[in-house]
Amino acid sequence: MAVARLVVTGASTGIGFALARIAAARGYDLVIAANESRIKVAAQELRGLGAPVVAVEAALARLEGVDALYEAIATLGMTQSIAPALTASSPAPLLRENSVGA
């Protein structure tokens, strides 16, 4: 059986963390990201549910942050889903420039 993997951005608090917690409880391997140090605390809490977790503290509005997330995703192999928990300050220009098929 294939391993279920999920990438969740904005996963340090709120909806992003809630989504990651549900996925962890259901046996997903996780890559979680946020632009604050709280992501490390979130990773520890999710590991407490038995989930393998790779945590990335990075600003995804910057190319360096996207590169860091990409490298973390590569450590787990191909993901089935990416679940962005974007806010009003989300990197819309970056998304437009780096859209799949663009």
Protein backbone atom coordinates (compact mmCIF):
# COMPACT_ATOMS: atom_id res chain seq x y z
CA MET A 1 0.00 0.00 0.00
CA ALA A 2 1.27 3.48 -0.87
CA VAL A 3 2.20 5.88 1.90
CA ALA A 4 -0.18 8.84 2.18
CA ARG A 5 1.71 12.12 2.17
CA LEU A 6 0.49 15.68 2.55
CA VAL A 7 2.01 19.17 2.41
CA VAL A 8 0.26 21.76 4.57
CA THR A 9 1.26 25.41 4.52
CA GLY A 10 0.23 27.79 7.27
CA ALA A 11 0.41 24.78 9.58
CA SER A 12 1.72 26.43 12.75
CA THR A 13 -1.72 27.54 13.99
CA GLY A 14 -5.38 27.79 13.06
CA ILE A 15 -6.93 25.97 10.14
CA GLY A 16 -3.57 24.84 8.77
CA PHE A 17 -2.62 23.20 12.06
CA ALA A 18 -6.08 21.66 12.41
CA LEU A 19 -5.80 20.15 8.94
CA ALA A 20 -2.32 18.80 9.71
CA ARG A 21 -3.56 17.33 13.00
CA ILE A 22 -6.40 15.49 11.22
CA ALA A 23 -3.98 14.18 8.60
CA ALA A 24 -1.50 13.06 11.28
CA ALA A 25 -4.22 11.20 13.14
CA ARG A 26 -5.15 9.45 9.88
CA GLY A 27 -1.60 8.25 9.27
CA TYR A 28 -0.26 10.76 6.76
CA ASP A 29 3.43 11.60 6.48
CA LEU A 30 3.58 15.39 6.63
CA VAL A 31 5.60 18.31 5.39
CA ILE A 32 4.37 21.38 7.25
CA ALA A 33 5.39 24.97 6.67
CA ALA A 34 4.89 28.41 8.16
CA ASN A 35 6.84 31.63 8.41
CA GLU A 36 7.13 31.54 12.20
CA SER A 37 9.11 29.52 14.72
CA ARG A 38 5.88 28.05 16.14
CA ILE A 39 6.08 25.54 13.27
CA LYS A 40 8.62 23.59 15.35
CA VAL A 41 6.17 23.32 18.24
CA ALA A 42 3.43 22.25 15.83
CA ALA A 43 5.74 19.56 14.40
CA GLN A 44 6.40 18.17 17.88
CA GLU A 45 2.67 18.03 18.63
CA LEU A 46 2.00 16.22 15.35
CA ARG A 47 4.84 13.76 15.96
CA GLY A 48 3.12 13.02 19.27
CA LEU A 49 0.25 11.64 17.18
CA GLY A 50 2.68 9.24 15.54
CA ALA A 51 3.13 11.08 12.25
CA PRO A 52 6.48 11.50 10.51
CA VAL A 53 6.80 15.27 10.12
CA VAL A 54 9.24 17.50 8.26
CA ALA A 55 8.85 21.11 9.42
CA VAL A 56 9.90 24.10 7.32
CA GLU A 57 10.12 27.58 8.78
CA ALA A 58 10.11 29.80 5.71
CA ALA A 59 8.35 32.74 4.12
CA LEU A 60 6.71 31.27 1.05
CA ALA A 61 6.37 34.74 -0.47
CA ARG A 62 10.12 34.57 -1.10
CA LEU A 63 11.87 32.33 -3.59
CA GLU A 64 14.21 31.06 -0.86
CA GLY A 65 11.21 29.93 1.15
CA VAL A 66 9.68 28.12 -1.81
CA ASP A 67 13.03 26.42 -2.46
CA ALA A 68 13.21 25.30 1.19
CA LEU A 69 9.70 23.85 0.99
CA TYR A 70 10.50 22.09 -2.29
CA GLU A 71 13.60 20.50 -0.73
CA ALA A 72 11.56 19.29 2.24
CA ILE A 73 8.93 17.80 -0.07
CA ALA A 74 11.67 15.97 -1.94
CA THR A 75 12.78 14.27 1.30
CA LEU A 76 9.45 12.43 1.46
CA GLY A 77 9.09 11.88 -2.28
CA MET A 78 6.07 12.78 -4.36
CA THR A 79 3.08 14.15 -2.43
CA GLN A 80 -0.51 13.31 -3.12
CA SER A 81 -1.85 16.71 -2.14
CA ILE A 82 -0.80 20.21 -1.23
CA ALA A 83 -3.11 21.98 1.21
CA PRO A 84 -2.34 25.69 1.39
CA ALA A 85 -3.81 27.63 4.27
CA LEU A 86 -3.31 31.01 2.64
CA THR A 87 -4.19 34.36 4.14
CA ALA A 88 -4.79 37.80 2.70
CA SER A 89 -1.02 38.30 2.69
CA SER A 90 -0.45 35.20 0.58
CA PRO A 91 2.13 35.33 -2.22
CA ALA A 92 -0.27 35.87 -5.15
CA PRO A 93 2.45 37.21 -7.50
CA LEU A 94 4.62 34.19 -6.76
CA LEU A 95 1.73 31.84 -7.41
CA ARG A 96 0.99 33.51 -10.75
CA GLU A 97 4.64 33.25 -11.84
CA ASN A 98 5.10 29.66 -10.75
CA SER A 99 1.75 28.11 -11.59
CA VAL A 100 1.78 24.62 -13.01
CA GLY A 101 1.43 24.82 -16.76
CA ALA A 102 2.22 28.56 -16.85
